[in-house]
């Protein structure tokens, strides 16, 4: 009888240890890097010298819904989600906004996390329009930046820095061709792309939240 009790106690300890190990593992996700539009993952250790060759988001300067100009210096040392939308979009954009509100709820009190939503219709979505949109959708302007600026600059950074509009079977002839993308792009503290998600799917958003926690 004593032997049976001892075996049972050992079994319970083992289960507890396994459970804790799984928890630690789930919060210690290793994320790859992305260097080009095919989004082929590159797995590198933090000490790897090849990190210097990994793609970074290029310099930018856009105006947010409050009229403040946001550039890469404002994001230095921060993790952020980037996406592209327009205020009059009635199809995928509301789904994307709904999923980003979950990110806002989870991280808005953390100064190390931000959201950058770039309008792809800046000729309509000026600063006042974005401010109105932000208020209508309960967007925290200190956490979630709705960005506008010159069309060419937005489209250039979309395609050349975030690799937006790729992988959908489209043939883009000109840089200023209209942007179509449902992607959320996760950018780390060093301005490097670490993950891509379908912004319309709640399950992808849950995975994104866990990945942000991992980077933190």
N, C-alpha and C. Protein backbone atom coordinates (compact mmCIF):
# COMPACT_ATOMS: atom_id res chain seq x y z
N UNK A 1 0.83 -1.21 0.00
CA UNK A 1 0.00 0.00 0.00
C UNK A 1 0.87 1.26 0.00
N UNK A 2 1.90 1.26 0.86
CA UNK A 2 2.80 2.42 0.93
C UNK A 2 3.51 2.63 -0.40
N UNK A 3 3.89 1.51 -1.03
CA UNK A 3 4.56 1.62 -2.34
C UNK A 3 3.65 2.25 -3.39
N UNK A 4 2.35 1.87 -3.34
CA UNK A 4 1.38 2.42 -4.28
C UNK A 4 1.22 3.93 -4.09
N UNK A 5 1.18 4.36 -2.81
CA UNK A 5 1.05 5.79 -2.51
C UNK A 5 2.27 6.55 -3.00
N UNK A 6 3.46 5.97 -2.79
CA UNK A 6 4.70 6.61 -3.22
C UNK A 6 4.74 6.77 -4.73
N UNK A 7 4.33 5.72 -5.45
CA UNK A 7 4.30 5.78 -6.91
C UNK A 7 3.32 6.86 -7.39
N UNK A 8 2.16 6.94 -6.69
CA UNK A 8 1.16 7.93 -7.06
C UNK A 8 1.68 9.36 -6.87
N UNK A 9 2.41 9.58 -5.74
CA UNK A 9 2.97 10.91 -5.47
C UNK A 9 4.03 11.29 -6.49
N UNK A 10 4.85 10.32 -6.88
CA UNK A 10 5.88 10.55 -7.90
C UNK A 10 5.21 10.92 -9.23
N UNK A 11 4.11 10.22 -9.53
CA UNK A 11 3.36 10.50 -10.77
C UNK A 11 2.81 11.92 -10.78
N UNK A 12 2.27 12.36 -9.60
CA UNK A 12 1.72 13.71 -9.51
C UNK A 12 2.81 14.77 -9.70
N UNK A 13 3.96 14.54 -9.10
CA UNK A 13 5.07 15.48 -9.23
C UNK A 13 5.54 15.56 -10.68
N UNK A 14 5.57 14.41 -11.33
CA UNK A 14 5.99 14.38 -12.73
C UNK A 14 5.03 15.16 -13.61
N UNK A 15 3.73 14.99 -13.34
CA UNK A 15 2.72 15.70 -14.12
C UNK A 15 2.86 17.20 -13.93
N UNK A 16 3.09 17.62 -12.68
CA UNK A 16 3.23 19.03 -12.39
C UNK A 16 4.45 19.60 -13.08
N UNK A 17 5.52 18.86 -13.07
CA UNK A 17 6.75 19.31 -13.70
C UNK A 17 6.56 19.46 -15.21
N UNK A 18 5.88 18.49 -15.79
CA UNK A 18 5.61 18.54 -17.23
C UNK A 18 4.74 19.73 -17.57
N UNK A 19 3.73 19.96 -16.75
CA UNK A 19 2.82 21.08 -16.99
C UNK A 19 3.57 22.40 -16.95
N UNK A 20 4.43 22.58 -15.94
CA UNK A 20 5.21 23.82 -15.84
C UNK A 20 6.17 23.97 -17.00
N UNK A 21 6.78 22.86 -17.40
CA UNK A 21 7.71 22.92 -18.52
C UNK A 21 7.01 23.36 -19.80
N UNK A 22 5.80 22.84 -19.99
CA UNK A 22 5.04 23.22 -21.19
C UNK A 22 4.69 24.69 -21.16
N UNK A 23 4.34 25.20 -19.97
CA UNK A 23 4.02 26.61 -19.86
C UNK A 23 5.21 27.48 -20.20
N UNK A 24 6.37 27.11 -19.68
CA UNK A 24 7.58 27.87 -19.96
C UNK A 24 7.87 27.84 -21.44
N UNK A 25 7.73 26.68 -22.04
CA UNK A 25 8.02 26.55 -23.47
C UNK A 25 7.07 27.42 -24.30
N UNK A 26 5.79 27.42 -23.93
CA UNK A 26 4.82 28.15 -24.74
C UNK A 26 5.05 29.65 -24.69
N UNK A 27 5.70 30.14 -23.61
CA UNK A 27 5.97 31.56 -23.50
C UNK A 27 7.38 31.91 -23.97
N UNK A 28 8.08 30.95 -24.53
CA UNK A 28 9.44 31.18 -24.98
C UNK A 28 9.56 30.80 -26.45
N UNK A 29 8.68 31.36 -27.26
CA UNK A 29 8.60 31.04 -28.67
C UNK A 29 9.76 31.69 -29.41
N UNK A 30 10.46 30.91 -30.21
CA UNK A 30 11.52 31.47 -31.04
C UNK A 30 10.92 31.89 -32.38
N UNK A 31 11.05 33.14 -32.72
CA UNK A 31 10.48 33.65 -33.96
C UNK A 31 11.58 33.83 -35.01
N UNK A 32 11.26 33.53 -36.26
CA UNK A 32 12.24 33.72 -37.34
C UNK A 32 12.33 35.18 -37.76
N UNK A 33 13.17 35.45 -38.74
CA UNK A 33 13.27 36.76 -39.37
C UNK A 33 12.83 36.61 -40.82
N UNK A 34 12.42 37.75 -41.42
CA UNK A 34 11.99 37.73 -42.82
C UNK A 34 12.74 38.81 -43.59
N UNK A 35 13.28 38.39 -44.72
CA UNK A 35 14.22 39.23 -45.43
C UNK A 35 13.74 39.72 -46.79
N UNK A 36 12.69 39.08 -47.32
CA UNK A 36 12.25 39.42 -48.67
C UNK A 36 10.77 39.05 -48.87
N UNK A 37 10.17 39.46 -50.01
CA UNK A 37 8.71 39.36 -50.20
C UNK A 37 8.11 37.97 -50.17
N UNK A 38 8.91 36.92 -50.34
CA UNK A 38 8.32 35.58 -50.28
C UNK A 38 8.04 35.14 -48.85
N UNK A 39 8.50 35.92 -47.89
CA UNK A 39 8.33 35.61 -46.47
C UNK A 39 8.87 34.22 -46.13
N UNK A 40 10.03 33.93 -46.64
CA UNK A 40 10.73 32.69 -46.28
C UNK A 40 11.41 32.90 -44.93
N UNK A 41 11.09 32.09 -43.92
CA UNK A 41 11.66 32.34 -42.59
C UNK A 41 13.16 32.06 -42.53
N UNK A 42 13.85 32.89 -41.77
CA UNK A 42 15.28 32.72 -41.52
C UNK A 42 15.46 32.59 -40.01
N UNK A 43 16.03 31.48 -39.60
CA UNK A 43 16.20 31.22 -38.16
C UNK A 43 17.63 31.57 -37.77
N UNK A 44 17.77 32.56 -36.89
CA UNK A 44 19.09 32.99 -36.46
C UNK A 44 19.10 33.21 -34.95
N UNK A 45 20.20 32.84 -34.33
CA UNK A 45 20.41 33.13 -32.92
C UNK A 45 20.76 34.61 -32.77
N UNK A 46 20.44 35.19 -31.61
CA UNK A 46 20.71 36.61 -31.38
C UNK A 46 22.18 36.97 -31.52
N UNK A 47 23.06 36.00 -31.30
CA UNK A 47 24.49 36.26 -31.37
C UNK A 47 25.06 36.08 -32.78
N UNK A 48 24.21 35.65 -33.71
CA UNK A 48 24.68 35.38 -35.07
C UNK A 48 25.04 36.69 -35.79
N UNK A 49 26.22 36.74 -36.37
CA UNK A 49 26.68 37.94 -37.05
C UNK A 49 25.85 38.26 -38.29
N UNK A 50 25.14 37.26 -38.82
CA UNK A 50 24.32 37.48 -40.01
C UNK A 50 23.11 38.37 -39.72
N UNK A 51 22.84 38.64 -38.45
CA UNK A 51 21.73 39.53 -38.09
C UNK A 51 21.90 40.90 -38.72
N UNK A 52 23.15 41.31 -38.92
CA UNK A 52 23.41 42.62 -39.52
C UNK A 52 22.92 42.69 -40.96
N UNK A 53 22.74 41.53 -41.59
CA UNK A 53 22.30 41.49 -42.98
C UNK A 53 20.79 41.35 -43.12
N UNK A 54 20.09 41.22 -41.98
CA UNK A 54 18.64 41.04 -42.01
C UNK A 54 17.94 42.37 -42.31
N UNK A 55 16.93 42.30 -43.14
CA UNK A 55 16.14 43.45 -43.57
C UNK A 55 15.56 44.22 -42.38
N UNK A 56 15.62 45.54 -42.46
CA UNK A 56 14.99 46.43 -41.48
C UNK A 56 14.01 47.37 -42.18
N UNK A 57 13.01 47.82 -41.43
CA UNK A 57 12.06 48.79 -41.96
C UNK A 57 12.81 50.11 -42.21
N UNK A 58 12.60 50.68 -43.39
CA UNK A 58 13.31 51.90 -43.75
C UNK A 58 12.71 53.13 -43.05
N UNK A 59 13.45 54.22 -43.12
CA UNK A 59 13.02 55.47 -42.48
C UNK A 59 11.66 55.93 -43.01
N UNK A 60 10.86 56.51 -42.13
CA UNK A 60 9.55 57.01 -42.52
C UNK A 60 9.17 58.21 -41.67
N UNK A 61 8.18 58.94 -42.11
CA UNK A 61 7.66 60.08 -41.36
C UNK A 61 6.23 60.33 -41.81
N UNK A 62 5.26 59.89 -40.98
CA UNK A 62 3.85 60.03 -41.32
C UNK A 62 3.11 60.73 -40.19
N UNK A 63 1.97 61.31 -40.53
CA UNK A 63 1.16 62.05 -39.55
C UNK A 63 0.07 61.15 -38.98
N UNK A 64 -0.08 61.17 -37.65
CA UNK A 64 -1.12 60.33 -37.04
C UNK A 64 -2.42 61.12 -36.85
N UNK A 65 -3.41 60.46 -36.27
CA UNK A 65 -4.76 61.04 -36.14
C UNK A 65 -4.80 62.26 -35.24
N UNK A 66 -3.77 62.44 -34.43
CA UNK A 66 -3.70 63.60 -33.54
C UNK A 66 -2.93 64.76 -34.17
N UNK A 67 -2.41 64.54 -35.37
CA UNK A 67 -1.63 65.57 -36.03
C UNK A 67 -0.15 65.50 -35.73
N UNK A 68 0.27 64.50 -34.94
CA UNK A 68 1.69 64.34 -34.60
C UNK A 68 2.40 63.55 -35.70
N UNK A 69 3.62 63.97 -36.01
CA UNK A 69 4.42 63.25 -37.00
C UNK A 69 5.17 62.12 -36.32
N UNK A 70 5.00 60.92 -36.86
CA UNK A 70 5.58 59.71 -36.29
C UNK A 70 6.68 59.21 -37.21
N UNK A 71 7.86 58.96 -36.66
CA UNK A 71 8.95 58.39 -37.45
C UNK A 71 9.59 57.23 -36.72
N UNK A 72 10.62 56.64 -37.31
CA UNK A 72 11.23 55.45 -36.75
C UNK A 72 11.83 55.69 -35.37
N UNK A 73 12.21 56.93 -35.07
CA UNK A 73 12.77 57.23 -33.75
C UNK A 73 11.72 57.06 -32.65
N UNK A 74 10.46 57.31 -32.99
CA UNK A 74 9.37 57.13 -32.02
C UNK A 74 9.13 55.66 -31.71
N UNK A 75 9.60 54.78 -32.61
CA UNK A 75 9.40 53.34 -32.43
C UNK A 75 10.67 52.63 -31.96
N UNK A 76 11.73 53.39 -31.69
CA UNK A 76 13.00 52.78 -31.30
C UNK A 76 12.83 51.97 -30.00
N UNK A 77 13.24 50.72 -30.04
CA UNK A 77 13.14 49.86 -28.87
C UNK A 77 11.74 49.34 -28.60
N UNK A 78 10.81 49.56 -29.54
CA UNK A 78 9.43 49.12 -29.35
C UNK A 78 9.06 48.02 -30.34
N UNK A 79 8.12 47.20 -29.94
CA UNK A 79 7.53 46.17 -30.80
C UNK A 79 6.26 46.79 -31.38
N UNK A 80 6.01 46.57 -32.67
CA UNK A 80 4.77 47.10 -33.20
C UNK A 80 4.19 46.22 -34.30
N UNK A 81 2.88 46.36 -34.47
CA UNK A 81 2.15 45.71 -35.55
C UNK A 81 1.87 46.76 -36.61
N UNK A 82 2.20 46.47 -37.85
CA UNK A 82 1.90 47.37 -38.97
C UNK A 82 0.84 46.73 -39.86
N UNK A 83 -0.06 47.57 -40.37
CA UNK A 83 -1.03 47.08 -41.35
C UNK A 83 -1.46 48.23 -42.24
N UNK A 84 -2.27 47.92 -43.27
CA UNK A 84 -2.72 48.91 -44.25
C UNK A 84 -4.22 48.79 -44.42
N UNK A 85 -4.90 49.94 -44.47
CA UNK A 85 -6.37 49.95 -44.47
C UNK A 85 -6.84 51.25 -45.12
N UNK A 86 -8.15 51.46 -45.19
CA UNK A 86 -8.71 52.78 -45.49
C UNK A 86 -10.05 52.90 -44.80
N UNK A 87 -10.42 54.10 -44.39
CA UNK A 87 -11.55 54.29 -43.49
C UNK A 87 -12.90 53.91 -44.10
N UNK A 88 -13.01 54.01 -45.42
CA UNK A 88 -14.29 53.70 -46.06
C UNK A 88 -14.42 52.23 -46.45
N UNK A 89 -13.44 51.43 -46.13
CA UNK A 89 -13.47 50.00 -46.44
C UNK A 89 -14.53 49.32 -45.58
N UNK A 90 -15.43 48.60 -46.24
CA UNK A 90 -16.52 47.97 -45.50
C UNK A 90 -16.47 46.46 -45.50
N UNK A 91 -15.38 45.89 -46.01
CA UNK A 91 -15.27 44.43 -46.10
C UNK A 91 -14.28 43.88 -45.08
N UNK A 92 -13.00 43.80 -45.46
CA UNK A 92 -12.02 43.18 -44.55
C UNK A 92 -11.54 44.13 -43.46
N UNK A 93 -11.55 45.44 -43.71
CA UNK A 93 -11.00 46.39 -42.74
C UNK A 93 -11.70 46.35 -41.37
N UNK A 94 -13.04 46.26 -41.32
CA UNK A 94 -13.68 46.15 -40.00
C UNK A 94 -13.24 44.90 -39.23
N UNK A 95 -13.02 43.80 -39.93
CA UNK A 95 -12.53 42.59 -39.26
C UNK A 95 -11.13 42.80 -38.71
N UNK A 96 -10.29 43.46 -39.50
CA UNK A 96 -8.94 43.75 -39.05
C UNK A 96 -8.94 44.68 -37.85
N UNK A 97 -9.79 45.70 -37.90
CA UNK A 97 -9.88 46.65 -36.79
C UNK A 97 -10.35 45.96 -35.51
N UNK A 98 -11.33 45.06 -35.67
CA UNK A 98 -11.84 44.31 -34.51
C UNK A 98 -10.74 43.48 -33.87
N UNK A 99 -9.91 42.85 -34.70
CA UNK A 99 -8.82 42.03 -34.16
C UNK A 99 -7.73 42.89 -33.53
N UNK A 100 -7.47 44.06 -34.10
CA UNK A 100 -6.46 44.95 -33.52
C UNK A 100 -6.94 45.54 -32.20
N UNK A 101 -8.24 45.68 -32.03
CA UNK A 101 -8.77 46.15 -30.74
C UNK A 101 -8.45 45.15 -29.63
N UNK A 102 -8.35 43.87 -29.98
CA UNK A 102 -7.95 42.86 -28.99
C UNK A 102 -6.50 43.08 -28.57
N UNK A 103 -5.68 43.47 -29.53
CA UNK A 103 -4.28 43.77 -29.21
C UNK A 103 -4.21 45.02 -28.34
N UNK A 104 -5.02 46.01 -28.67
CA UNK A 104 -5.07 47.22 -27.86
C UNK A 104 -5.48 46.91 -26.42
N UNK A 105 -6.48 46.08 -26.27
CA UNK A 105 -6.95 45.70 -24.93
C UNK A 105 -5.86 45.00 -24.14
N UNK A 106 -5.06 44.20 -24.82
CA UNK A 106 -4.02 43.41 -24.16
C UNK A 106 -2.79 44.24 -23.80
N UNK A 107 -2.42 45.21 -24.64
CA UNK A 107 -1.11 45.85 -24.49
C UNK A 107 -1.13 47.38 -24.38
N UNK A 108 -2.27 48.02 -24.38
CA UNK A 108 -2.29 49.49 -24.44
C UNK A 108 -1.59 50.16 -23.26
N UNK A 109 -1.46 49.46 -22.16
CA UNK A 109 -0.77 50.02 -20.99
C UNK A 109 0.74 49.79 -21.03
N UNK A 110 1.20 49.08 -22.05
CA UNK A 110 2.62 48.76 -22.17
C UNK A 110 3.26 49.71 -23.19
N UNK A 111 4.17 50.55 -22.74
CA UNK A 111 4.81 51.53 -23.62
C UNK A 111 5.72 50.90 -24.66
N UNK A 112 6.01 49.62 -24.51
CA UNK A 112 6.92 48.95 -25.44
C UNK A 112 6.21 48.35 -26.65
N UNK A 113 4.88 48.52 -26.71
CA UNK A 113 4.09 47.94 -27.81
C UNK A 113 3.24 49.03 -28.46
N UNK A 114 3.17 49.02 -29.82
CA UNK A 114 2.36 49.98 -30.56
C UNK A 114 1.70 49.29 -31.76
N UNK A 115 0.71 49.97 -32.34
CA UNK A 115 0.10 49.56 -33.61
C UNK A 115 0.24 50.73 -34.58
N UNK A 116 0.63 50.43 -35.83
CA UNK A 116 0.72 51.43 -36.88
C UNK A 116 -0.18 51.01 -38.04
N UNK A 117 -1.28 51.74 -38.25
CA UNK A 117 -2.19 51.46 -39.36
C UNK A 117 -2.06 52.57 -40.38
N UNK A 118 -1.58 52.23 -41.57
CA UNK A 118 -1.36 53.20 -42.64
C UNK A 118 -2.55 53.20 -43.60
N UNK A 119 -3.10 54.37 -43.87
CA UNK A 119 -4.16 54.43 -44.87
C UNK A 119 -3.58 54.28 -46.28
N UNK A 120 -4.29 53.55 -47.12
CA UNK A 120 -3.86 53.41 -48.52
C UNK A 120 -4.65 54.36 -49.41
N UNK A 121 -5.46 55.22 -48.77
CA UNK A 121 -6.20 56.26 -49.50
C UNK A 121 -5.95 57.61 -48.83
N UNK A 122 -4.70 58.05 -48.81
CA UNK A 122 -4.38 59.29 -48.09
C UNK A 122 -5.00 60.54 -48.71
N UNK A 123 -5.41 60.46 -49.97
CA UNK A 123 -6.06 61.61 -50.61
C UNK A 123 -7.46 61.83 -50.04
N UNK A 124 -7.99 60.82 -49.33
CA UNK A 124 -9.28 60.94 -48.64
C UNK A 124 -9.08 60.96 -47.13
N UNK A 125 -8.25 60.04 -46.66
CA UNK A 125 -8.03 59.88 -45.22
C UNK A 125 -6.95 60.84 -44.72
N UNK A 126 -7.35 62.11 -44.54
CA UNK A 126 -6.42 63.08 -43.96
C UNK A 126 -6.44 62.94 -42.44
N UNK A 127 -5.72 63.80 -41.76
CA UNK A 127 -5.60 63.70 -40.31
C UNK A 127 -6.96 63.82 -39.61
N UNK A 128 -7.80 64.73 -40.06
CA UNK A 128 -9.11 64.90 -39.44
C UNK A 128 -9.99 63.68 -39.65
N UNK A 129 -9.94 63.10 -40.85
CA UNK A 129 -10.74 61.90 -41.14
C UNK A 129 -10.28 60.73 -40.27
N UNK A 130 -8.97 60.59 -40.11
CA UNK A 130 -8.44 59.51 -39.27
C UNK A 130 -8.80 59.71 -37.80
N UNK A 131 -8.80 60.96 -37.36
CA UNK A 131 -9.17 61.25 -35.97
C UNK A 131 -10.62 60.87 -35.71
N UNK A 132 -11.49 61.21 -36.66
CA UNK A 132 -12.91 60.85 -36.56
C UNK A 132 -13.09 59.33 -36.54
N UNK A 133 -12.37 58.65 -37.42
CA UNK A 133 -12.43 57.18 -37.50
C UNK A 133 -11.95 56.56 -36.19
N UNK A 134 -10.87 57.11 -35.65
CA UNK A 134 -10.32 56.57 -34.40
C UNK A 134 -11.31 56.69 -33.25
N UNK A 135 -11.98 57.82 -33.15
CA UNK A 135 -12.96 58.01 -32.08
C UNK A 135 -14.16 57.09 -32.25
N UNK A 136 -14.60 56.91 -33.49
CA UNK A 136 -15.75 56.03 -33.76
C UNK A 136 -15.43 54.58 -33.41
N UNK A 137 -14.16 54.20 -33.49
CA UNK A 137 -13.78 52.81 -33.26
C UNK A 137 -13.06 52.57 -31.93
N UNK A 138 -13.15 53.56 -31.04
CA UNK A 138 -12.57 53.43 -29.69
C UNK A 138 -11.06 53.14 -29.72
N UNK A 139 -10.37 53.81 -30.63
CA UNK A 139 -8.92 53.60 -30.78
C UNK A 139 -8.16 54.55 -29.85
N UNK A 140 -7.26 53.99 -29.08
CA UNK A 140 -6.41 54.76 -28.17
C UNK A 140 -5.26 55.37 -28.99
N UNK A 141 -5.31 56.69 -29.17
CA UNK A 141 -4.34 57.35 -30.05
C UNK A 141 -2.92 57.36 -29.50
N UNK A 142 -2.76 57.10 -28.21
CA UNK A 142 -1.42 57.01 -27.63
C UNK A 142 -0.77 55.66 -27.89
N UNK A 143 -1.59 54.68 -28.22
CA UNK A 143 -1.11 53.32 -28.45
C UNK A 143 -1.17 52.92 -29.92
N UNK A 144 -2.21 53.35 -30.58
CA UNK A 144 -2.50 52.91 -31.95
C UNK A 144 -2.49 54.12 -32.87
N UNK A 145 -1.49 54.19 -33.73
CA UNK A 145 -1.33 55.32 -34.64
C UNK A 145 -2.00 55.04 -35.99
N UNK A 146 -2.94 55.90 -36.36
CA UNK A 146 -3.54 55.86 -37.70
C UNK A 146 -2.76 56.87 -38.53
N UNK A 147 -2.07 56.39 -39.56
CA UNK A 147 -1.08 57.21 -40.26
C UNK A 147 -1.49 57.58 -41.67
N UNK A 148 -1.20 58.83 -42.02
CA UNK A 148 -1.41 59.32 -43.38
C UNK A 148 -0.18 60.10 -43.82
N UNK A 149 -0.13 60.39 -45.11
CA UNK A 149 1.02 61.10 -45.67
C UNK A 149 0.96 61.03 -47.18
N UNK A 150 2.01 61.43 -47.87
CA UNK A 150 2.04 61.35 -49.33
C UNK A 150 1.84 59.91 -49.80
N UNK A 151 0.98 59.75 -50.80
CA UNK A 151 0.66 58.41 -51.31
C UNK A 151 1.91 57.65 -51.72
N UNK A 152 2.80 58.31 -52.44
CA UNK A 152 4.00 57.63 -52.92
C UNK A 152 4.83 57.10 -51.76
N UNK A 153 4.95 57.87 -50.69
CA UNK A 153 5.75 57.46 -49.53
C UNK A 153 5.12 56.26 -48.82
N UNK A 154 3.80 56.29 -48.67
CA UNK A 154 3.11 55.17 -48.01
C UNK A 154 3.23 53.90 -48.84
N UNK A 155 3.00 54.01 -50.15
CA UNK A 155 3.06 52.84 -51.01
C UNK A 155 4.49 52.30 -51.13
N UNK A 156 5.45 53.19 -51.10
CA UNK A 156 6.85 52.78 -51.19
C UNK A 156 7.26 51.96 -49.96
N UNK A 157 6.91 52.46 -48.77
CA UNK A 157 7.28 51.73 -47.56
C UNK A 157 6.46 50.44 -47.44
N UNK A 158 5.22 50.48 -47.94
CA UNK A 158 4.38 49.28 -47.89
C UNK A 158 5.03 48.14 -48.67
N UNK A 159 5.49 48.45 -49.87
CA UNK A 159 6.02 47.40 -50.74
C UNK A 159 7.50 47.10 -50.47
N UNK A 160 8.28 48.12 -50.18
CA UNK A 160 9.72 47.91 -50.05
C UNK A 160 10.16 47.54 -48.64
N UNK A 161 9.41 47.99 -47.63
CA UNK A 161 9.80 47.69 -46.25
C UNK A 161 8.97 46.56 -45.64
N UNK A 162 7.64 46.64 -45.84
CA UNK A 162 6.76 45.64 -45.22
C UNK A 162 6.40 44.50 -46.17
N UNK A 163 6.82 44.58 -47.43
CA UNK A 163 6.51 43.56 -48.44
C UNK A 163 5.00 43.35 -48.57
N UNK A 164 4.25 44.42 -48.44
CA UNK A 164 2.79 44.34 -48.58
C UNK A 164 2.42 44.07 -50.02
N UNK A 165 1.26 43.47 -50.21
CA UNK A 165 0.70 43.21 -51.54
C UNK A 165 1.39 42.06 -52.25
N UNK A 166 2.24 41.33 -51.57
CA UNK A 166 2.94 40.21 -52.20
C UNK A 166 2.24 38.90 -51.82
N UNK A 167 2.42 37.91 -52.67
CA UNK A 167 1.91 36.59 -52.36
C UNK A 167 0.44 36.40 -52.64
N UNK A 168 -0.20 37.35 -53.34
CA UNK A 168 -1.62 37.23 -53.64
C UNK A 168 -1.86 36.96 -55.12
N UNK A 169 -0.79 36.64 -55.87
CA UNK A 169 -0.94 36.34 -57.27
C UNK A 169 -1.15 37.56 -58.14
N UNK A 170 -0.85 38.74 -57.62
CA UNK A 170 -1.01 39.96 -58.39
C UNK A 170 0.28 40.32 -59.10
N UNK A 171 0.15 41.00 -60.20
CA UNK A 171 1.31 41.51 -60.91
C UNK A 171 1.30 43.02 -60.78
N UNK A 172 2.15 43.55 -59.91
CA UNK A 172 2.20 44.98 -59.66
C UNK A 172 3.15 45.62 -60.67
N UNK A 173 2.61 46.49 -61.49
CA UNK A 173 3.41 47.12 -62.54
C UNK A 173 4.08 48.39 -62.03
N UNK A 174 3.35 49.17 -61.23
CA UNK A 174 3.88 50.43 -60.74
C UNK A 174 3.86 50.46 -59.23
N UNK A 175 4.81 51.21 -58.67
CA UNK A 175 4.91 51.33 -57.22
C UNK A 175 3.62 51.88 -56.62
N UNK A 176 2.96 52.79 -57.35
CA UNK A 176 1.77 53.45 -56.83
C UNK A 176 0.47 52.73 -57.16
N UNK A 177 0.54 51.50 -57.70
CA UNK A 177 -0.67 50.70 -57.87
C UNK A 177 -1.32 50.48 -56.51
N UNK A 178 -2.64 50.42 -56.50
CA UNK A 178 -3.38 50.33 -55.23
C UNK A 178 -2.93 49.13 -54.39
N UNK A 179 -2.76 49.37 -53.10
CA UNK A 179 -2.31 48.33 -52.17
C UNK A 179 -3.48 47.46 -51.73
N UNK A 180 -3.32 46.16 -51.81
CA UNK A 180 -4.30 45.20 -51.27
C UNK A 180 -3.55 44.25 -50.34
N UNK A 181 -3.86 44.28 -49.08
CA UNK A 181 -3.26 43.30 -48.17
C UNK A 181 -4.09 43.16 -46.90
N UNK A 182 -4.22 41.93 -46.45
CA UNK A 182 -4.91 41.64 -45.19
C UNK A 182 -3.89 41.34 -44.09
N UNK A 183 -2.63 41.50 -44.40
CA UNK A 183 -1.59 41.10 -43.46
C UNK A 183 -1.43 42.06 -42.28
N UNK A 184 -1.13 41.47 -41.14
CA UNK A 184 -0.53 42.17 -40.02
C UNK A 184 0.95 41.78 -40.02
N UNK A 185 1.83 42.77 -39.85
CA UNK A 185 3.26 42.49 -39.84
C UNK A 185 3.81 42.82 -38.46
N UNK A 186 4.46 41.85 -37.84
CA UNK A 186 5.05 42.04 -36.52
C UNK A 186 6.50 42.48 -36.67
N UNK A 187 6.82 43.66 -36.11
CA UNK A 187 8.16 44.23 -36.20
C UNK A 187 8.76 44.29 -34.79
N UNK A 188 9.99 43.85 -34.66
CA UNK A 188 10.60 43.79 -33.33
C UNK A 188 11.26 45.11 -32.93
N UNK A 189 11.93 45.11 -31.78
CA UNK A 189 12.53 46.31 -31.22
C UNK A 189 13.66 46.88 -32.09
N UNK A 190 14.16 46.07 -33.00
CA UNK A 190 15.25 46.50 -33.87
C UNK A 190 14.80 46.79 -35.30
N UNK A 191 13.48 46.89 -35.50
CA UNK A 191 12.95 47.23 -36.81
C UNK A 191 12.98 46.10 -37.81
N UNK A 192 13.02 44.85 -37.32
CA UNK A 192 13.06 43.69 -38.21
C UNK A 192 11.72 42.96 -38.18
N UNK A 193 11.30 42.44 -39.33
CA UNK A 193 10.05 41.69 -39.43
C UNK A 193 10.23 40.31 -38.81
N UNK A 194 9.32 39.94 -37.90
CA UNK A 194 9.43 38.66 -37.20
C UNK A 194 8.27 37.71 -37.45
N UNK A 195 7.14 38.23 -37.96
CA UNK A 195 6.00 37.35 -38.24
C UNK A 195 4.98 38.08 -39.10
N UNK A 196 4.18 37.30 -39.81
CA UNK A 196 3.11 37.81 -40.66
C UNK A 196 1.85 37.02 -40.36
N UNK A 197 0.72 37.71 -40.31
CA UNK A 197 -0.54 37.06 -39.95
C UNK A 197 -1.66 37.52 -40.90
N UNK A 198 -2.66 36.68 -41.04
CA UNK A 198 -3.88 37.08 -41.74
C UNK A 198 -4.72 37.91 -40.75
N UNK A 199 -4.83 39.19 -41.01
CA UNK A 199 -5.47 40.09 -40.06
C UNK A 199 -6.96 39.93 -39.91
N UNK A 200 -7.59 39.11 -40.75
CA UNK A 200 -9.04 38.92 -40.65
C UNK A 200 -9.42 37.76 -39.73
N UNK A 201 -8.43 36.99 -39.29
CA UNK A 201 -8.72 35.76 -38.52
C UNK A 201 -8.44 35.94 -37.04
N UNK A 202 -9.43 35.73 -36.17
CA UNK A 202 -9.22 35.83 -34.73
C UNK A 202 -8.13 34.88 -34.21
N UNK A 203 -8.05 33.68 -34.78
CA UNK A 203 -7.04 32.72 -34.33
C UNK A 203 -5.64 33.24 -34.60
N UNK A 204 -5.45 33.88 -35.76
CA UNK A 204 -4.15 34.48 -36.08
C UNK A 204 -3.82 35.61 -35.12
N UNK A 205 -4.84 36.36 -34.71
CA UNK A 205 -4.64 37.45 -33.76
C UNK A 205 -4.21 36.92 -32.40
N UNK A 206 -4.80 35.81 -31.99
CA UNK A 206 -4.39 35.19 -30.72
C UNK A 206 -2.93 34.75 -30.78
N UNK A 207 -2.54 34.19 -31.91
CA UNK A 207 -1.14 33.79 -32.09
C UNK A 207 -0.22 35.02 -32.06
N UNK A 208 -0.67 36.09 -32.67
CA UNK A 208 0.11 37.33 -32.70
C UNK A 208 0.32 37.88 -31.29
N UNK A 209 -0.71 37.84 -30.48
CA UNK A 209 -0.60 38.32 -29.10
C UNK A 209 0.44 37.51 -28.33
N UNK A 210 0.42 36.20 -28.52
CA UNK A 210 1.42 35.35 -27.86
C UNK A 210 2.83 35.64 -28.36
N UNK A 211 2.96 35.92 -29.66
CA UNK A 211 4.27 36.24 -30.22
C UNK A 211 4.80 37.57 -29.68
N UNK A 212 3.91 38.53 -29.49
CA UNK A 212 4.33 39.81 -28.91
C UNK A 212 4.84 39.59 -27.49
N UNK A 213 4.14 38.78 -26.73
CA UNK A 213 4.59 38.45 -25.38
C UNK A 213 5.96 37.79 -25.39
N UNK A 214 6.17 36.96 -26.39
CA UNK A 214 7.47 36.29 -26.52
C UNK A 214 8.58 37.30 -26.76
N UNK A 215 8.34 38.26 -27.65
CA UNK A 215 9.36 39.29 -27.92
C UNK A 215 9.59 40.18 -26.73
N UNK A 216 8.55 40.42 -25.94
CA UNK A 216 8.71 41.23 -24.74
C UNK A 216 9.60 40.56 -23.71
